[in-house]
């Protein structure tokens, strides 16, 4: 068994990394939005927006503990290879380490804020595309975002994703050849 956690700020390349692992190495992808939060919002008849996701996540963490969401993801795991895209809190790292020990590795992904902002404008929702740089910086202050740099300090290794997809894929490949 192997569990890889990815920590990094919005649009740094966590999902790109996760999809590469699925395609190249057969990893199953787990993430908080797809597997936990979005289904709850839909069941409640609420739109799946960034604000609703953040509010729900923080509400659940406040009620059940900071590591509640990661516990729910871990319950979905059997034997195999998993990648969790979007580890945000140190408590989540601690829980996964306790549960999986040496089978878990946290990888940080860094990317300049201006590059991430430009990615948001190119790839994001209509709301994202209309966001100003100052609005983007304000979103970085959300409780689910501002803790990420602290969590990234727990990473075994950190990759930078500021160039092309091909460059990033080459970095991922190099790291995975060492891990697997």
C-alpha atoms as a PDB file:
ATOM      1  CA  UNK A   1       0.000   0.000   0.000  1.00  0.00           C
ATOM      2  CA  UNK A   2       1.069   3.563  -0.660  1.00  0.00           C
ATOM      3  CA  UNK A   3      -0.679   6.820   0.175  1.00  0.00           C
ATOM      4  CA  UNK A   4       0.616  10.084  -1.250  1.00  0.00           C
ATOM      5  CA  UNK A   5      -0.719  13.327   0.135  1.00  0.00           C
ATOM      6  CA  UNK A   6      -0.348  16.524  -1.866  1.00  0.00           C
ATOM      7  CA  UNK A   7      -0.171  19.886  -0.132  1.00  0.00           C
ATOM      8  CA  UNK A   8      -0.085  23.165  -1.970  1.00  0.00           C
ATOM      9  CA  UNK A   9      -2.041  26.301  -2.545  1.00  0.00           C
ATOM     10  CA  UNK A  10      -4.842  26.690  -5.046  1.00  0.00           C
ATOM     11  CA  UNK A  11      -3.847  25.979  -8.670  1.00  0.00           C
ATOM     12  CA  UNK A  12      -0.301  24.940  -7.833  1.00  0.00           C
ATOM     13  CA  UNK A  13      -0.778  21.629  -9.667  1.00  0.00           C
ATOM     14  CA  UNK A  14      -2.144  19.195  -7.076  1.00  0.00           C
ATOM     15  CA  UNK A  15      -4.804  17.815  -9.406  1.00  0.00           C
ATOM     16  CA  UNK A  16      -2.381  17.692 -12.323  1.00  0.00           C
ATOM     17  CA  UNK A  17      -0.051  15.627 -10.120  1.00  0.00           C
ATOM     18  CA  UNK A  18      -2.903  13.357  -8.958  1.00  0.00           C
ATOM     19  CA  UNK A  19      -4.201  12.689 -12.487  1.00  0.00           C
ATOM     20  CA  UNK A  20      -0.666  11.917 -13.642  1.00  0.00           C
ATOM     21  CA  UNK A  21      -0.352   9.338 -10.860  1.00  0.00           C
ATOM     22  CA  UNK A  22      -3.669   7.782 -11.844  1.00  0.00           C
ATOM     23  CA  UNK A  23      -2.770   7.616 -15.527  1.00  0.00           C
ATOM     24  CA  UNK A  24       0.875   6.530 -15.207  1.00  0.00           C
ATOM     25  CA  UNK A  25       0.849   4.414 -12.019  1.00  0.00           C
ATOM     26  CA  UNK A  26      -2.772   3.382 -11.419  1.00  0.00           C
ATOM     27  CA  UNK A  27      -3.374   5.438  -8.270  1.00  0.00           C
ATOM     28  CA  UNK A  28      -6.906   6.066  -7.021  1.00  0.00           C
ATOM     29  CA  UNK A  29      -7.587   9.758  -6.436  1.00  0.00           C
ATOM     30  CA  UNK A  30      -9.332  10.905  -3.289  1.00  0.00           C
ATOM     31  CA  UNK A  31     -10.212  14.515  -2.618  1.00  0.00           C
ATOM     32  CA  UNK A  32     -12.335  16.349  -0.127  1.00  0.00           C
ATOM     33  CA  UNK A  33     -14.560  18.109  -2.636  1.00  0.00           C
ATOM     34  CA  UNK A  34     -15.464  15.186  -4.898  1.00  0.00           C
ATOM     35  CA  UNK A  35     -15.667  12.468  -2.268  1.00  0.00           C
ATOM     36  CA  UNK A  36     -17.194  14.289   0.700  1.00  0.00           C
ATOM     37  CA  UNK A  37     -18.177  17.947   0.422  1.00  0.00           C
ATOM     38  CA  UNK A  38     -19.891  18.242  -2.982  1.00  0.00           C
ATOM     39  CA  UNK A  39     -22.228  15.267  -2.332  1.00  0.00           C
ATOM     40  CA  UNK A  40     -23.302  16.826   0.985  1.00  0.00           C
ATOM     41  CA  UNK A  41     -23.980  20.198  -0.646  1.00  0.00           C
ATOM     42  CA  UNK A  42     -25.990  18.564  -3.445  1.00  0.00           C
ATOM     43  CA  UNK A  43     -28.000  16.550  -0.918  1.00  0.00           C
ATOM     44  CA  UNK A  44     -28.761  19.806   0.919  1.00  0.00           C
ATOM     45  CA  UNK A  45     -29.804  21.447  -2.363  1.00  0.00           C
ATOM     46  CA  UNK A  46     -26.973  23.973  -2.243  1.00  0.00           C
ATOM     47  CA  UNK A  47     -24.788  24.943  -5.188  1.00  0.00           C
ATOM     48  CA  UNK A  48     -21.225  23.605  -5.187  1.00  0.00           C
ATOM     49  CA  UNK A  49     -19.398  26.921  -4.982  1.00  0.00           C
ATOM     50  CA  UNK A  50     -16.010  27.680  -3.455  1.00  0.00           C
ATOM     51  CA  UNK A  51     -17.646  29.641  -0.613  1.00  0.00           C
ATOM     52  CA  UNK A  52     -20.125  26.851   0.158  1.00  0.00           C
ATOM     53  CA  UNK A  53     -17.331  24.254   0.096  1.00  0.00           C
ATOM     54  CA  UNK A  54     -15.163  26.287   2.482  1.00  0.00           C
ATOM     55  CA  UNK A  55     -18.075  26.989   4.835  1.00  0.00           C
ATOM     56  CA  UNK A  56     -19.145  23.338   4.932  1.00  0.00           C
ATOM     57  CA  UNK A  57     -15.587  22.078   5.413  1.00  0.00           C
ATOM     58  CA  UNK A  58     -14.915  24.472   8.275  1.00  0.00           C
ATOM     59  CA  UNK A  59     -18.277  23.705   9.869  1.00  0.00           C
ATOM     60  CA  UNK A  60     -17.574  19.960   9.814  1.00  0.00           C
ATOM     61  CA  UNK A  61     -14.046  20.471  11.122  1.00  0.00           C
ATOM     62  CA  UNK A  62     -15.325  22.680  13.928  1.00  0.00           C
ATOM     63  CA  UNK A  63     -18.006  20.164  14.908  1.00  0.00           C
ATOM     64  CA  UNK A  64     -16.028  16.915  14.540  1.00  0.00           C
ATOM     65  CA  UNK A  65     -12.351  17.925  14.629  1.00  0.00           C
ATOM     66  CA  UNK A  66      -9.815  19.333  12.157  1.00  0.00           C
ATOM     67  CA  UNK A  67      -8.953  15.830  10.891  1.00  0.00           C
ATOM     68  CA  UNK A  68     -12.598  14.778  10.352  1.00  0.00           C
ATOM     69  CA  UNK A  69     -12.543  15.046   6.557  1.00  0.00           C
ATOM     70  CA  UNK A  70      -9.294  13.146   6.162  1.00  0.00           C
ATOM     71  CA  UNK A  71     -10.631  10.409   8.457  1.00  0.00           C
ATOM     72  CA  UNK A  72     -13.613  10.065   6.117  1.00  0.00           C
ATOM     73  CA  UNK A  73     -11.287   9.781   3.106  1.00  0.00           C
ATOM     74  CA  UNK A  74      -9.144   7.180   4.861  1.00  0.00           C
ATOM     75  CA  UNK A  75     -12.250   5.068   5.526  1.00  0.00           C
ATOM     76  CA  UNK A  76     -12.586   4.683   1.736  1.00  0.00           C
ATOM     77  CA  UNK A  77      -9.146   3.093   1.391  1.00  0.00           C
ATOM     78  CA  UNK A  78      -8.413  -0.591   1.106  1.00  0.00           C
ATOM     79  CA  UNK A  79      -5.205  -2.102  -0.187  1.00  0.00           C
ATOM     80  CA  UNK A  80      -3.796  -0.205  -3.137  1.00  0.00           C
ATOM     81  CA  UNK A  81      -2.277   3.076  -4.211  1.00  0.00           C
ATOM     82  CA  UNK A  82      -3.974   6.336  -3.262  1.00  0.00           C
ATOM     83  CA  UNK A  83      -3.291  10.002  -3.769  1.00  0.00           C
ATOM     84  CA  UNK A  84      -5.065  12.650  -1.699  1.00  0.00           C
ATOM     85  CA  UNK A  85      -5.073  15.939  -3.564  1.00  0.00           C
ATOM     86  CA  UNK A  86      -5.379  18.814  -1.134  1.00  0.00           C
ATOM     87  CA  UNK A  87      -4.038  18.106   2.343  1.00  0.00           C
ATOM     88  CA  UNK A  88      -4.515  21.412   4.149  1.00  0.00           C
ATOM     89  CA  UNK A  89      -4.019  21.027   7.883  1.00  0.00           C
ATOM     90  CA  UNK A  90      -1.146  19.599   9.943  1.00  0.00           C
ATOM     91  CA  UNK A  91      -3.709  17.523  11.873  1.00  0.00           C
ATOM     92  CA  UNK A  92      -4.615  15.772   8.627  1.00  0.00           C
ATOM     93  CA  UNK A  93      -0.972  14.843   8.056  1.00  0.00           C
ATOM     94  CA  UNK A  94      -0.694  13.563  11.634  1.00  0.00           C
ATOM     95  CA  UNK A  95      -3.794  11.374  11.226  1.00  0.00           C
ATOM     96  CA  UNK A  96      -2.604   9.826   7.961  1.00  0.00           C
ATOM     97  CA  UNK A  97       0.889   9.216   9.372  1.00  0.00           C
ATOM     98  CA  UNK A  98      -0.598   7.457  12.407  1.00  0.00           C
ATOM     99  CA  UNK A  99      -2.843   5.330  10.233  1.00  0.00           C
ATOM    100  CA  UNK A 100      -0.443   4.404   7.418  1.00  0.00           C
ATOM    101  CA  UNK A 101       3.024   4.973   8.879  1.00  0.00           C
ATOM    102  CA  UNK A 102       5.823   4.477   6.358  1.00  0.00           C
ATOM    103  CA  UNK A 103       3.259   3.848   3.598  1.00  0.00           C
ATOM    104  CA  UNK A 104       2.407   7.572   3.592  1.00  0.00           C
ATOM    105  CA  UNK A 105       4.400  10.382   2.036  1.00  0.00           C
ATOM    106  CA  UNK A 106       3.453  14.068   1.928  1.00  0.00           C
ATOM    107  CA  UNK A 107       4.644  16.019  -1.097  1.00  0.00           C
ATOM    108  CA  UNK A 108       4.443  19.796  -1.232  1.00  0.00           C
ATOM    109  CA  UNK A 109       3.886  21.685  -4.468  1.00  0.00           C
ATOM    110  CA  UNK A 110       5.016  25.283  -4.745  1.00  0.00           C
ATOM    111  CA  UNK A 111       4.081  27.849  -7.334  1.00  0.00           C
ATOM    112  CA  UNK A 112       4.400  31.622  -7.461  1.00  0.00           C
ATOM    113  CA  UNK A 113       1.189  33.434  -6.539  1.00  0.00           C
ATOM    114  CA  UNK A 114       1.114  35.409  -9.824  1.00  0.00           C
ATOM    115  CA  UNK A 115       1.345  32.205 -11.868  1.00  0.00           C
ATOM    116  CA  UNK A 116      -1.472  30.652  -9.825  1.00  0.00           C
ATOM    117  CA  UNK A 117      -3.567  33.773 -10.341  1.00  0.00           C
ATOM    118  CA  UNK A 118      -3.046  33.586 -14.117  1.00  0.00           C
ATOM    119  CA  UNK A 119      -4.029  29.901 -14.057  1.00  0.00           C
ATOM    120  CA  UNK A 120      -7.204  30.857 -12.198  1.00  0.00           C
ATOM    121  CA  UNK A 121      -8.061  33.412 -14.862  1.00  0.00           C
ATOM    122  CA  UNK A 122      -7.433  30.875 -17.666  1.00  0.00           C
ATOM    123  CA  UNK A 123      -8.947  27.735 -16.177  1.00  0.00           C
ATOM    124  CA  UNK A 124     -11.386  28.775 -13.508  1.00  0.00           C
ATOM    125  CA  UNK A 125     -15.093  29.335 -13.390  1.00  0.00           C
ATOM    126  CA  UNK A 126     -16.660  32.486 -14.816  1.00  0.00           C
ATOM    127  CA  UNK A 127     -16.332  34.016 -11.335  1.00  0.00           C
ATOM    128  CA  UNK A 128     -12.628  33.033 -11.244  1.00  0.00           C
ATOM    129  CA  UNK A 129     -11.964  34.525 -14.666  1.00  0.00           C
ATOM    130  CA  UNK A 130     -13.413  37.852 -13.525  1.00  0.00           C
ATOM    131  CA  UNK A 131     -11.459  37.858 -10.241  1.00  0.00           C
ATOM    132  CA  UNK A 132      -8.935  40.644  -9.700  1.00  0.00           C
ATOM    133  CA  UNK A 133      -5.487  39.941  -8.338  1.00  0.00           C
ATOM    134  CA  UNK A 134      -6.500  41.581  -5.043  1.00  0.00           C
ATOM    135  CA  UNK A 135      -9.588  39.334  -4.858  1.00  0.00           C
ATOM    136  CA  UNK A 136      -7.330  36.336  -5.436  1.00  0.00           C
ATOM    137  CA  UNK A 137      -5.054  37.430  -2.600  1.00  0.00           C
ATOM    138  CA  UNK A 138      -8.099  37.798  -0.330  1.00  0.00           C
ATOM    139  CA  UNK A 139      -9.124  34.185  -1.104  1.00  0.00           C
ATOM    140  CA  UNK A 140      -5.644  33.141   0.052  1.00  0.00           C
ATOM    141  CA  UNK A 141      -6.648  34.348   3.539  1.00  0.00           C
ATOM    142  CA  UNK A 142      -9.539  31.878   3.888  1.00  0.00           C
ATOM    143  CA  UNK A 143      -9.089  29.486   6.828  1.00  0.00           C
ATOM    144  CA  UNK A 144      -8.720  26.542   4.448  1.00  0.00           C
ATOM    145  CA  UNK A 145      -5.948  28.328   2.527  1.00  0.00           C
ATOM    146  CA  UNK A 146      -3.870  30.293   5.019  1.00  0.00           C
ATOM    147  CA  UNK A 147      -2.747  27.153   6.912  1.00  0.00           C
ATOM    148  CA  UNK A 148      -1.330  25.426   3.815  1.00  0.00           C
ATOM    149  CA  UNK A 149       2.218  26.897   4.026  1.00  0.00           C
ATOM    150  CA  UNK A 150       2.485  25.542   7.584  1.00  0.00           C
ATOM    151  CA  UNK A 151       1.307  22.103   6.442  1.00  0.00           C
ATOM    152  CA  UNK A 152       3.769  22.117   3.551  1.00  0.00           C
ATOM    153  CA  UNK A 153       6.613  22.320   6.081  1.00  0.00           C
ATOM    154  CA  UNK A 154       5.728  18.713   7.012  1.00  0.00           C
ATOM    155  CA  UNK A 155       6.325  17.489   3.449  1.00  0.00           C
ATOM    156  CA  UNK A 156       9.085  14.972   2.839  1.00  0.00           C
ATOM    157  CA  UNK A 157       9.862  16.755  -0.399  1.00  0.00           C
ATOM    158  CA  UNK A 158       8.642  19.746  -2.368  1.00  0.00           C
ATOM    159  CA  UNK A 159       8.304  20.249  -6.112  1.00  0.00           C
ATOM    160  CA  UNK A 160       7.990  23.557  -7.949  1.00  0.00           C
ATOM    161  CA  UNK A 161       5.439  23.812 -10.748  1.00  0.00           C
ATOM    162  CA  UNK A 162       6.015  27.087 -12.562  1.00  0.00           C
ATOM    163  CA  UNK A 163       6.829  26.006 -16.105  1.00  0.00           C
ATOM    164  CA  UNK A 164       5.142  23.644 -18.555  1.00  0.00           C
ATOM    165  CA  UNK A 165       3.084  20.530 -17.851  1.00  0.00           C
ATOM    166  CA  UNK A 166       5.842  18.485 -19.433  1.00  0.00           C
ATOM    167  CA  UNK A 167       8.404  19.964 -17.047  1.00  0.00           C
ATOM    168  CA  UNK A 168       6.161  19.183 -14.084  1.00  0.00           C
ATOM    169  CA  UNK A 169       5.479  15.642 -15.342  1.00  0.00           C
ATOM    170  CA  UNK A 170       9.231  15.047 -15.623  1.00  0.00           C
ATOM    171  CA  UNK A 171       9.665  16.131 -11.990  1.00  0.00           C
ATOM    172  CA  UNK A 172       6.818  13.881 -10.859  1.00  0.00           C
ATOM    173  CA  UNK A 173       8.244  10.944 -12.812  1.00  0.00           C
ATOM    174  CA  UNK A 174      11.655  11.417 -11.221  1.00  0.00           C
ATOM    175  CA  UNK A 175      10.154  11.514  -7.719  1.00  0.00           C
ATOM    176  CA  UNK A 176       7.909   8.509  -8.345  1.00  0.00           C
ATOM    177  CA  UNK A 177      10.770   6.400  -9.638  1.00  0.00           C
ATOM    178  CA  UNK A 178      12.471   6.946  -6.277  1.00  0.00           C
ATOM    179  CA  UNK A 179       9.312   6.272  -4.246  1.00  0.00           C
ATOM    180  CA  UNK A 180       8.017   3.159  -6.004  1.00  0.00           C
END
